Amino acid sequence: NLPASYKSRNNLLRTTLDLYANVMHCQTLPGVRTRHRNIDIM
């Protein structure tokens, strides 16, 4: 709801520091109930 001129602080950090690669590793864990098993995605 802030004015369009207000920039996301998260986005400013990533662009100002040129943090160009966001990496997330998603894998199922034993003991955590999920619909799917054996997920291992980067």
All heavy atoms as atom14 arrays in JSON, in Angstrom:
{
  "sequence": "NLPASYKSRNNLLRTTLDLYANVMHCQTLPGVRTRHRNIDIM",
  "atom14_mask": [
    [1, 1, 1, 1, 1, 1, 1, 1, 0, 0, 0, 0, 0, 0],
    [1, 1, 1, 1, 1, 1, 1, 1, 0, 0, 0, 0, 0, 0],
    [1, 1, 1, 1, 1, 1, 1, 0, 0, 0, 0, 0, 0, 0],
    [1, 1, 1, 1, 1, 0, 0, 0, 0, 0, 0, 0, 0, 0],
    [1, 1, 1, 1, 1, 1, 0, 0, 0, 0, 0, 0, 0, 0],
    [1, 1, 1, 1, 1, 1, 1, 1, 1, 1, 1, 1, 0, 0],
    [1, 1, 1, 1, 1, 1, 1, 1, 1, 0, 0, 0, 0, 0],
    [1, 1, 1, 1, 1, 1, 0, 0, 0, 0, 0, 0, 0, 0],
    [1, 1, 1, 1, 1, 1, 1, 1, 1, 1, 1, 0, 0, 0],
    [1, 1, 1, 1, 1, 1, 1, 1, 0, 0, 0, 0, 0, 0],
    [1, 1, 1, 1, 1, 1, 1, 1, 0, 0, 0, 0, 0, 0],
    [1, 1, 1, 1, 1, 1, 1, 1, 0, 0, 0, 0, 0, 0],
    [1, 1, 1, 1, 1, 1, 1, 1, 0, 0, 0, 0, 0, 0],
    [1, 1, 1, 1, 1, 1, 1, 1, 1, 1, 1, 0, 0, 0],
    [1, 1, 1, 1, 1, 1, 1, 0, 0, 0, 0, 0, 0, 0],
    [1, 1, 1, 1, 1, 1, 1, 0, 0, 0, 0, 0, 0, 0],
    [1, 1, 1, 1, 1, 1, 1, 1, 0, 0, 0, 0, 0, 0],
    [1, 1, 1, 1, 1, 1, 1, 1, 0, 0, 0, 0, 0, 0],
    [1, 1, 1, 1, 1, 1, 1, 1, 0, 0, 0, 0, 0, 0],
    [1, 1, 1, 1, 1, 1, 1, 1, 1, 1, 1, 1, 0, 0],
    [1, 1, 1, 1, 1, 0, 0, 0, 0, 0, 0, 0, 0, 0],
    [1, 1, 1, 1, 1, 1, 1, 1, 0, 0, 0, 0, 0, 0],
    [1, 1, 1, 1, 1, 1, 1, 0, 0, 0, 0, 0, 0, 0],
    [1, 1, 1, 1, 1, 1, 1, 1, 0, 0, 0, 0, 0, 0],
    [1, 1, 1, 1, 1, 1, 1, 1, 1, 1, 0, 0, 0, 0],
    [1, 1, 1, 1, 1, 1, 0, 0, 0, 0, 0, 0, 0, 0],
    [1, 1, 1, 1, 1, 1, 1, 1, 1, 0, 0, 0, 0, 0],
    [1, 1, 1, 1, 1, 1, 1, 0, 0, 0, 0, 0, 0, 0],
    [1, 1, 1, 1, 1, 1, 1, 1, 0, 0, 0, 0, 0, 0],
    [1, 1, 1, 1, 1, 1, 1, 0, 0, 0, 0, 0, 0, 0],
    [1, 1, 1, 1, 0, 0, 0, 0, 0, 0, 0, 0, 0, 0],
    [1, 1, 1, 1, 1, 1, 1, 0, 0, 0, 0, 0, 0, 0],
    [1, 1, 1, 1, 1, 1, 1, 1, 1, 1, 1, 0, 0, 0],
    [1, 1, 1, 1, 1, 1, 1, 0, 0, 0, 0, 0, 0, 0],
    [1, 1, 1, 1, 1, 1, 1, 1, 1, 1, 1, 0, 0, 0],
    [1, 1, 1, 1, 1, 1, 1, 1, 1, 1, 0, 0, 0, 0],
    [1, 1, 1, 1, 1, 1, 1, 1, 1, 1, 1, 0, 0, 0],
    [1, 1, 1, 1, 1, 1, 1, 1, 0, 0, 0, 0, 0, 0],
    [1, 1, 1, 1, 1, 1, 1, 1, 0, 0, 0, 0, 0, 0],
    [1, 1, 1, 1, 1, 1, 1, 1, 0, 0, 0, 0, 0, 0],
    [1, 1, 1, 1, 1, 1, 1, 1, 0, 0, 0, 0, 0, 0],
    [1, 1, 1, 1, 1, 1, 1, 1, 0, 0, 0, 0, 0, 0]
  ],
  "atom14_positions": [
    [[0.81, -1.22, 0.0], [0.0, 0.0, 0.0], [0.85, 1.27, 0.0], [0.31, 2.37, -0.11], [-0.92, 0.01, 1.23], [-1.98, -1.08, 1.17], [-2.62, -1.26, 0.13], [-2.15, -1.82, 2.25], [0.0, 0.0, 0.0], [0.0, 0.0, 0.0], [0.0, 0.0, 0.0], [0.0, 0.0, 0.0], [0.0, 0.0, 0.0], [0.0, 0.0, 0.0]],
    [[2.16, 1.12, 0.1], [3.04, 2.28, 0.08], [3.14, 2.85, -1.34], [2.84, 2.16, -2.31], [4.43, 1.89, 0.59], [4.52, 1.54, 2.08], [5.89, 0.97, 2.41], [4.23, 2.77, 2.94], [0.0, 0.0, 0.0], [0.0, 0.0, 0.0], [0.0, 0.0, 0.0], [0.0, 0.0, 0.0], [0.0, 0.0, 0.0], [0.0, 0.0, 0.0]],
    [[3.55, 4.1, -1.48], [3.67, 4.71, -2.82], [4.6, 3.91, -3.73], [5.5, 3.21, -3.26], [4.25, 6.1, -2.52], [3.91, 6.36, -1.09], [3.91, 5.04, -0.4], [0.0, 0.0, 0.0], [0.0, 0.0, 0.0], [0.0, 0.0, 0.0], [0.0, 0.0, 0.0], [0.0, 0.0, 0.0], [0.0, 0.0, 0.0], [0.0, 0.0, 0.0]],
    [[4.41, 4.05, -5.02], [5.21, 3.31, -6.0], [6.69, 3.66, -5.91], [7.54, 2.87, -6.3], [4.68, 3.58, -7.4], [0.0, 0.0, 0.0], [0.0, 0.0, 0.0], [0.0, 0.0, 0.0], [0.0, 0.0, 0.0], [0.0, 0.0, 0.0], [0.0, 0.0, 0.0], [0.0, 0.0, 0.0], [0.0, 0.0, 0.0], [0.0, 0.0, 0.0]],
    [[6.99, 4.84, -5.38], [8.39, 5.26, -5.27], [9.14, 4.48, -4.18], [10.37, 4.47, -4.16], [8.45, 6.75, -4.94], [7.76, 7.04, -3.73], [0.0, 0.0, 0.0], [0.0, 0.0, 0.0], [0.0, 0.0, 0.0], [0.0, 0.0, 0.0], [0.0, 0.0, 0.0], [0.0, 0.0, 0.0], [0.0, 0.0, 0.0], [0.0, 0.0, 0.0]],
    [[8.39, 3.82, -3.29], [9.04, 3.05, -2.21], [9.55, 1.72, -2.76], [8.8, 0.96, -3.36], [8.04, 2.79, -1.08], [8.64, 2.04, 0.09], [9.28, 2.71, 1.12], [8.57, 0.64, 0.15], [9.84, 2.02, 2.19], [9.14, -0.05, 1.21], [9.76, 0.65, 2.23], [10.33, -0.04, 3.29], [0.0, 0.0, 0.0], [0.0, 0.0, 0.0]],
    [[10.81, 1.45, -2.58], [11.41, 0.23, -3.1], [11.54, -0.82, -2.0], [11.86, -0.49, -0.86], [12.8, 0.53, -3.68], [12.82, 1.63, -4.73], [11.94, 1.31, -5.92], [12.01, 2.41, -6.98], [11.07, 2.17, -8.09], [0.0, 0.0, 0.0], [0.0, 0.0, 0.0], [0.0, 0.0, 0.0], [0.0, 0.0, 0.0], [0.0, 0.0, 0.0]],
    [[11.29, -2.05, -2.37], [11.45, -3.17, -1.44], [12.87, -3.21, -0.9], [13.85, -3.18, -1.66], [11.14, -4.49, -2.16], [11.71, -5.58, -1.46], [0.0, 0.0, 0.0], [0.0, 0.0, 0.0], [0.0, 0.0, 0.0], [0.0, 0.0, 0.0], [0.0, 0.0, 0.0], [0.0, 0.0, 0.0], [0.0, 0.0, 0.0], [0.0, 0.0, 0.0]],
    [[13.02, -3.24, 0.42], [14.34, -3.3, 1.04], [15.03, -4.62, 0.69], [16.25, -4.69, 0.55], [14.23, -3.11, 2.55], [13.75, -1.72, 2.96], [14.7, -0.64, 2.46], [14.28, 0.71, 2.82], [13.67, 1.55, 2.0], [13.38, 1.18, 0.77], [13.34, 2.77, 2.38], [0.0, 0.0, 0.0], [0.0, 0.0, 0.0], [0.0, 0.0, 0.0]],
    [[14.25, -5.68, 0.58], [14.82, -6.97, 0.18], [15.43, -6.88, -1.21], [16.55, -7.34, -1.45], [13.74, -8.05, 0.2], [13.1, -8.24, 1.56], [13.75, -8.61, 2.51], [11.81, -7.95, 1.66], [0.0, 0.0, 0.0], [0.0, 0.0, 0.0], [0.0, 0.0, 0.0], [0.0, 0.0, 0.0], [0.0, 0.0, 0.0], [0.0, 0.0, 0.0]],
    [[14.67, -6.28, -2.13], [15.13, -6.16, -3.5], [16.35, -5.23, -3.6], [17.29, -5.5, -4.36], [14.0, -5.65, -4.38], [14.22, -5.92, -5.85], [14.9, -6.87, -6.22], [13.66, -5.08, -6.7], [0.0, 0.0, 0.0], [0.0, 0.0, 0.0], [0.0, 0.0, 0.0], [0.0, 0.0, 0.0], [0.0, 0.0, 0.0], [0.0, 0.0, 0.0]],
    [[16.35, -4.15, -2.83], [17.47, -3.22, -2.84], [18.76, -3.89, -2.38], [19.83, -3.65, -2.94], [17.16, -2.01, -1.95], [16.28, -0.92, -2.57], [15.94, 0.13, -1.52], [16.97, -0.28, -3.76], [0.0, 0.0, 0.0], [0.0, 0.0, 0.0], [0.0, 0.0, 0.0], [0.0, 0.0, 0.0], [0.0, 0.0, 0.0], [0.0, 0.0, 0.0]],
    [[18.66, -4.73, -1.36], [19.84, -5.44, -0.89], [20.41, -6.35, -1.98], [21.63, -6.38, -2.21], [19.5, -6.29, 0.34], [19.53, -5.61, 1.7], [18.97, -6.53, 2.78], [20.96, -5.19, 2.06], [0.0, 0.0, 0.0], [0.0, 0.0, 0.0], [0.0, 0.0, 0.0], [0.0, 0.0, 0.0], [0.0, 0.0, 0.0], [0.0, 0.0, 0.0]],
    [[19.52, -7.07, -2.66], [19.98, -8.01, -3.68], [20.6, -7.3, -4.87], [21.62, -7.73, -5.41], [18.82, -8.9, -4.13], [18.25, -9.77, -3.01], [17.33, -10.83, -3.55], [16.08, -10.33, -4.07], [14.97, -10.16, -3.36], [14.96, -10.44, -2.07], [13.85, -9.73, -3.92], [0.0, 0.0, 0.0], [0.0, 0.0, 0.0], [0.0, 0.0, 0.0]],
    [[19.99, -6.17, -5.29], [20.5, -5.48, -6.47], [21.73, -4.63, -6.13], [22.69, -4.58, -6.91], [19.41, -4.6, -7.09], [18.86, -3.72, -6.08], [18.29, -5.46, -7.66], [0.0, 0.0, 0.0], [0.0, 0.0, 0.0], [0.0, 0.0, 0.0], [0.0, 0.0, 0.0], [0.0, 0.0, 0.0], [0.0, 0.0, 0.0], [0.0, 0.0, 0.0]],
    [[21.73, -3.96, -4.98], [22.85, -3.1, -4.6], [24.13, -3.92, -4.43], [25.22, -3.5, -4.83], [22.54, -2.34, -3.3], [21.37, -1.55, -3.47], [23.7, -1.43, -2.92], [0.0, 0.0, 0.0], [0.0, 0.0, 0.0], [0.0, 0.0, 0.0], [0.0, 0.0, 0.0], [0.0, 0.0, 0.0], [0.0, 0.0, 0.0], [0.0, 0.0, 0.0]],
    [[24.0, -5.11, -3.84], [25.16, -5.97, -3.61], [25.39, -6.95, -4.76], [26.31, -7.76, -4.7], [24.98, -6.74, -2.3], [24.86, -5.87, -1.03], [24.53, -6.73, 0.18], [26.15, -5.09, -0.78], [0.0, 0.0, 0.0], [0.0, 0.0, 0.0], [0.0, 0.0, 0.0], [0.0, 0.0, 0.0], [0.0, 0.0, 0.0], [0.0, 0.0, 0.0]],
    [[24.54, -6.87, -5.77], [24.62, -7.77, -6.95], [24.63, -9.24, -6.53], [25.45, -10.03, -6.98], [25.85, -7.45, -7.8], [25.72, -8.03, -9.22], [24.58, -8.26, -9.67], [26.77, -8.27, -9.85], [0.0, 0.0, 0.0], [0.0, 0.0, 0.0], [0.0, 0.0, 0.0], [0.0, 0.0, 0.0], [0.0, 0.0, 0.0], [0.0, 0.0, 0.0]],
    [[23.68, -9.59, -5.67], [23.53, -10.99, -5.23], [22.66, -11.69, -6.27], [21.47, -11.91, -6.1], [22.88, -11.03, -3.84], [23.65, -10.29, -2.74], [22.82, -10.21, -1.46], [24.97, -10.97, -2.47], [0.0, 0.0, 0.0], [0.0, 0.0, 0.0], [0.0, 0.0, 0.0], [0.0, 0.0, 0.0], [0.0, 0.0, 0.0], [0.0, 0.0, 0.0]],
    [[23.29, -12.07, -7.35], [22.54, -12.45, -8.55], [21.97, -13.87, -8.51], [21.06, -14.19, -9.27], [23.41, -12.28, -9.79], [24.65, -13.14, -9.84], [24.62, -14.43, -10.35], [25.88, -12.64, -9.41], [25.76, -15.22, -10.41], [27.03, -13.41, -9.46], [26.96, -14.7, -9.96], [28.08, -15.47, -10.01], [0.0, 0.0, 0.0], [0.0, 0.0, 0.0]],
    [[22.5, -14.73, -7.65], [22.05, -16.13, -7.63], [21.35, -16.45, -6.31], [21.97, -16.43, -5.25], [23.23, -17.08, -7.83], [0.0, 0.0, 0.0], [0.0, 0.0, 0.0], [0.0, 0.0, 0.0], [0.0, 0.0, 0.0], [0.0, 0.0, 0.0], [0.0, 0.0, 0.0], [0.0, 0.0, 0.0], [0.0, 0.0, 0.0], [0.0, 0.0, 0.0]],
    [[20.06, -16.69, -6.39], [19.32, -17.19, -5.24], [19.25, -18.71, -5.34], [18.83, -19.25, -6.36], [17.91, -16.6, -5.2], [17.08, -17.18, -4.06], [16.11, -17.89, -4.29], [17.44, -16.88, -2.84], [0.0, 0.0, 0.0], [0.0, 0.0, 0.0], [0.0, 0.0, 0.0], [0.0, 0.0, 0.0], [0.0, 0.0, 0.0], [0.0, 0.0, 0.0]],
    [[19.71, -19.39, -4.3], [19.8, -20.85, -4.32], [18.97, -21.42, -3.18], [19.11, -21.0, -2.02], [21.27, -21.31, -4.17], [21.35, -22.83, -4.21], [22.13, -20.7, -5.26], [0.0, 0.0, 0.0], [0.0, 0.0, 0.0], [0.0, 0.0, 0.0], [0.0, 0.0, 0.0], [0.0, 0.0, 0.0], [0.0, 0.0, 0.0], [0.0, 0.0, 0.0]],
    [[18.13, -22.38, -3.5], [17.29, -23.01, -2.5], [17.27, -24.52, -2.76], [17.03, -24.96, -3.89], [15.87, -22.44, -2.58], [15.0, -22.8, -1.4], [13.5, -21.79, -1.43], [12.27, -23.06, -1.55], [0.0, 0.0, 0.0], [0.0, 0.0, 0.0], [0.0, 0.0, 0.0], [0.0, 0.0, 0.0], [0.0, 0.0, 0.0], [0.0, 0.0, 0.0]],
    [[17.57, -25.28, -1.72], [17.6, -26.74, -1.82], [16.38, -27.3, -1.1], [16.25, -27.15, 0.12], [18.88, -27.28, -1.2], [19.06, -28.76, -1.36], [20.02, -29.48, -0.69], [18.39, -29.67, -2.12], [19.94, -30.75, -1.02], [18.94, -30.89, -1.89], [0.0, 0.0, 0.0], [0.0, 0.0, 0.0], [0.0, 0.0, 0.0], [0.0, 0.0, 0.0]],
    [[15.48, -27.92, -1.84], [14.26, -28.49, -1.27], [14.36, -30.01, -1.28], [14.48, -30.61, -2.36], [13.03, -28.06, -2.06], [12.62, -26.33, -1.87], [0.0, 0.0, 0.0], [0.0, 0.0, 0.0], [0.0, 0.0, 0.0], [0.0, 0.0, 0.0], [0.0, 0.0, 0.0], [0.0, 0.0, 0.0], [0.0, 0.0, 0.0], [0.0, 0.0, 0.0]],
    [[14.31, -30.62, -0.11], [14.32, -32.08, -0.04], [13.44, -32.55, 1.1], [13.32, -31.89, 2.14], [15.74, -32.61, 0.12], [16.48, -32.13, 1.35], [17.9, -32.64, 1.39], [18.81, -31.98, 1.88], [18.13, -33.82, 0.87], [0.0, 0.0, 0.0], [0.0, 0.0, 0.0], [0.0, 0.0, 0.0], [0.0, 0.0, 0.0], [0.0, 0.0, 0.0]],
    [[12.79, -33.68, 0.89], [11.94, -34.24, 1.93], [12.81, -34.77, 3.06], [13.92, -35.26, 2.86], [11.06, -35.37, 1.37], [11.86, -36.22, 0.53], [9.92, -34.82, 0.54], [0.0, 0.0, 0.0], [0.0, 0.0, 0.0], [0.0, 0.0, 0.0], [0.0, 0.0, 0.0], [0.0, 0.0, 0.0], [0.0, 0.0, 0.0], [0.0, 0.0, 0.0]],
    [[12.27, -34.66, 4.29], [12.98, -35.11, 5.47], [12.23, -36.24, 6.15], [10.99, -36.19, 6.24], [13.13, -33.96, 6.47], [13.92, -32.73, 6.01], [13.85, -31.64, 7.07], [15.35, -33.11, 5.71], [0.0, 0.0, 0.0], [0.0, 0.0, 0.0], [0.0, 0.0, 0.0], [0.0, 0.0, 0.0], [0.0, 0.0, 0.0], [0.0, 0.0, 0.0]],
    [[12.92, -37.27, 6.63], [12.26, -38.32, 7.4], [11.6, -37.68, 8.63], [12.15, -36.78, 9.24], [13.4, -39.25, 7.81], [14.52, -38.94, 6.87], [14.37, -37.49, 6.5], [0.0, 0.0, 0.0], [0.0, 0.0, 0.0], [0.0, 0.0, 0.0], [0.0, 0.0, 0.0], [0.0, 0.0, 0.0], [0.0, 0.0, 0.0], [0.0, 0.0, 0.0]],
    [[10.42, -38.12, 8.96], [9.75, -37.58, 10.13], [8.84, -36.41, 9.85], [8.09, -35.97, 10.72], [0.0, 0.0, 0.0], [0.0, 0.0, 0.0], [0.0, 0.0, 0.0], [0.0, 0.0, 0.0], [0.0, 0.0, 0.0], [0.0, 0.0, 0.0], [0.0, 0.0, 0.0], [0.0, 0.0, 0.0], [0.0, 0.0, 0.0], [0.0, 0.0, 0.0]],
    [[8.89, -35.88, 8.63], [8.0, -34.78, 8.23], [7.01, -35.33, 7.21], [7.41, -35.77, 6.13], [8.79, -33.61, 7.64], [7.83, -32.51, 7.17], [9.77, -33.05, 8.66], [0.0, 0.0, 0.0], [0.0, 0.0, 0.0], [0.0, 0.0, 0.0], [0.0, 0.0, 0.0], [0.0, 0.0, 0.0], [0.0, 0.0, 0.0], [0.0, 0.0, 0.0]],
    [[5.74, -35.31, 7.55], [4.73, -35.87, 6.66], [4.48, -34.95, 5.47], [4.19, -33.76, 5.63], [3.42, -36.09, 7.42], [3.5, -37.16, 8.5], [2.14, -37.41, 9.12], [1.16, -37.87, 8.12], [-0.13, -38.06, 8.38], [-0.61, -37.82, 9.59], [-0.94, -38.47, 7.42], [0.0, 0.0, 0.0], [0.0, 0.0, 0.0], [0.0, 0.0, 0.0]],
    [[4.61, -35.48, 4.27], [4.35, -34.73, 3.04], [3.62, -35.64, 2.06], [3.65, -36.87, 2.18], [5.67, -34.24, 2.4], [6.52, -35.37, 2.17], [6.38, -33.24, 3.29], [0.0, 0.0, 0.0], [0.0, 0.0, 0.0], [0.0, 0.0, 0.0], [0.0, 0.0, 0.0], [0.0, 0.0, 0.0], [0.0, 0.0, 0.0], [0.0, 0.0, 0.0]],
    [[2.98, -35.03, 1.09], [2.26, -35.8, 0.08], [3.21, -36.61, -0.79], [2.91, -37.73, -1.2], [1.41, -34.86, -0.79], [0.56, -35.56, -1.83], [-0.28, -34.55, -2.61], [-1.21, -33.86, -1.75], [-2.42, -34.31, -1.44], [-2.84, -35.47, -1.93], [-3.22, -33.61, -0.66], [0.0, 0.0, 0.0], [0.0, 0.0, 0.0], [0.0, 0.0, 0.0]],
    [[4.37, -36.04, -1.11], [5.35, -36.7, -1.97], [6.61, -37.03, -1.17], [6.99, -36.29, -0.26], [5.73, -35.8, -3.14], [4.61, -35.49, -4.08], [4.15, -36.38, -5.01], [3.85, -34.36, -4.21], [3.15, -35.83, -5.7], [2.96, -34.61, -5.23], [0.0, 0.0, 0.0], [0.0, 0.0, 0.0], [0.0, 0.0, 0.0], [0.0, 0.0, 0.0]],
    [[7.27, -38.12, -1.54], [8.53, -38.5, -0.92], [9.66, -38.38, -1.95], [9.43, -38.23, -3.14], [8.47, -39.95, -0.4], [7.31, -40.24, 0.55], [7.34, -39.35, 1.77], [8.6, -39.5, 2.52], [8.98, -38.67, 3.49], [8.24, -37.62, 3.8], [10.13, -38.88, 4.13], [0.0, 0.0, 0.0], [0.0, 0.0, 0.0], [0.0, 0.0, 0.0]],
    [[10.89, -38.48, -1.45], [12.08, -38.53, -2.32], [12.22, -37.32, -3.23], [12.6, -37.43, -4.39], [12.08, -39.82, -3.16], [12.01, -41.07, -2.3], [12.71, -41.16, -1.29], [11.16, -42.01, -2.68], [0.0, 0.0, 0.0], [0.0, 0.0, 0.0], [0.0, 0.0, 0.0], [0.0, 0.0, 0.0], [0.0, 0.0, 0.0], [0.0, 0.0, 0.0]],
    [[11.91, -36.15, -2.68], [12.13, -34.9, -3.42], [13.52, -34.37, -3.08], [13.92, -34.34, -1.91], [11.07, -33.84, -3.03], [9.66, -34.31, -3.41], [11.38, -32.5, -3.7], [8.56, -33.41, -2.92], [0.0, 0.0, 0.0], [0.0, 0.0, 0.0], [0.0, 0.0, 0.0], [0.0, 0.0, 0.0], [0.0, 0.0, 0.0], [0.0, 0.0, 0.0]],
    [[14.25, -33.99, -4.09], [15.59, -33.44, -3.9], [15.88, -32.49, -5.06], [16.44, -32.88, -6.08], [16.62, -34.57, -3.83], [18.02, -34.07, -3.49], [18.19, -32.85, -3.29], [18.95, -34.9, -3.44], [0.0, 0.0, 0.0], [0.0, 0.0, 0.0], [0.0, 0.0, 0.0], [0.0, 0.0, 0.0], [0.0, 0.0, 0.0], [0.0, 0.0, 0.0]],
    [[15.47, -31.24, -4.91], [15.52, -30.27, -6.01], [16.35, -29.05, -5.6], [16.15, -28.48, -4.53], [14.1, -29.8, -6.4], [13.2, -30.98, -6.76], [14.17, -28.81, -7.57], [11.74, -30.6, -6.94], [0.0, 0.0, 0.0], [0.0, 0.0, 0.0], [0.0, 0.0, 0.0], [0.0, 0.0, 0.0], [0.0, 0.0, 0.0], [0.0, 0.0, 0.0]],
    [[17.25, -28.65, -6.49], [17.99, -27.4, -6.32], [17.36, -26.36, -7.24], [17.22, -26.59, -8.45], [19.46, -27.57, -6.69], [20.23, -28.57, -5.84], [20.5, -28.01, -4.14], [21.45, -26.52, -4.38], [0.0, 0.0, 0.0], [0.0, 0.0, 0.0], [0.0, 0.0, 0.0], [0.0, 0.0, 0.0], [0.0, 0.0, 0.0], [0.0, 0.0, 0.0]]
  ]
}
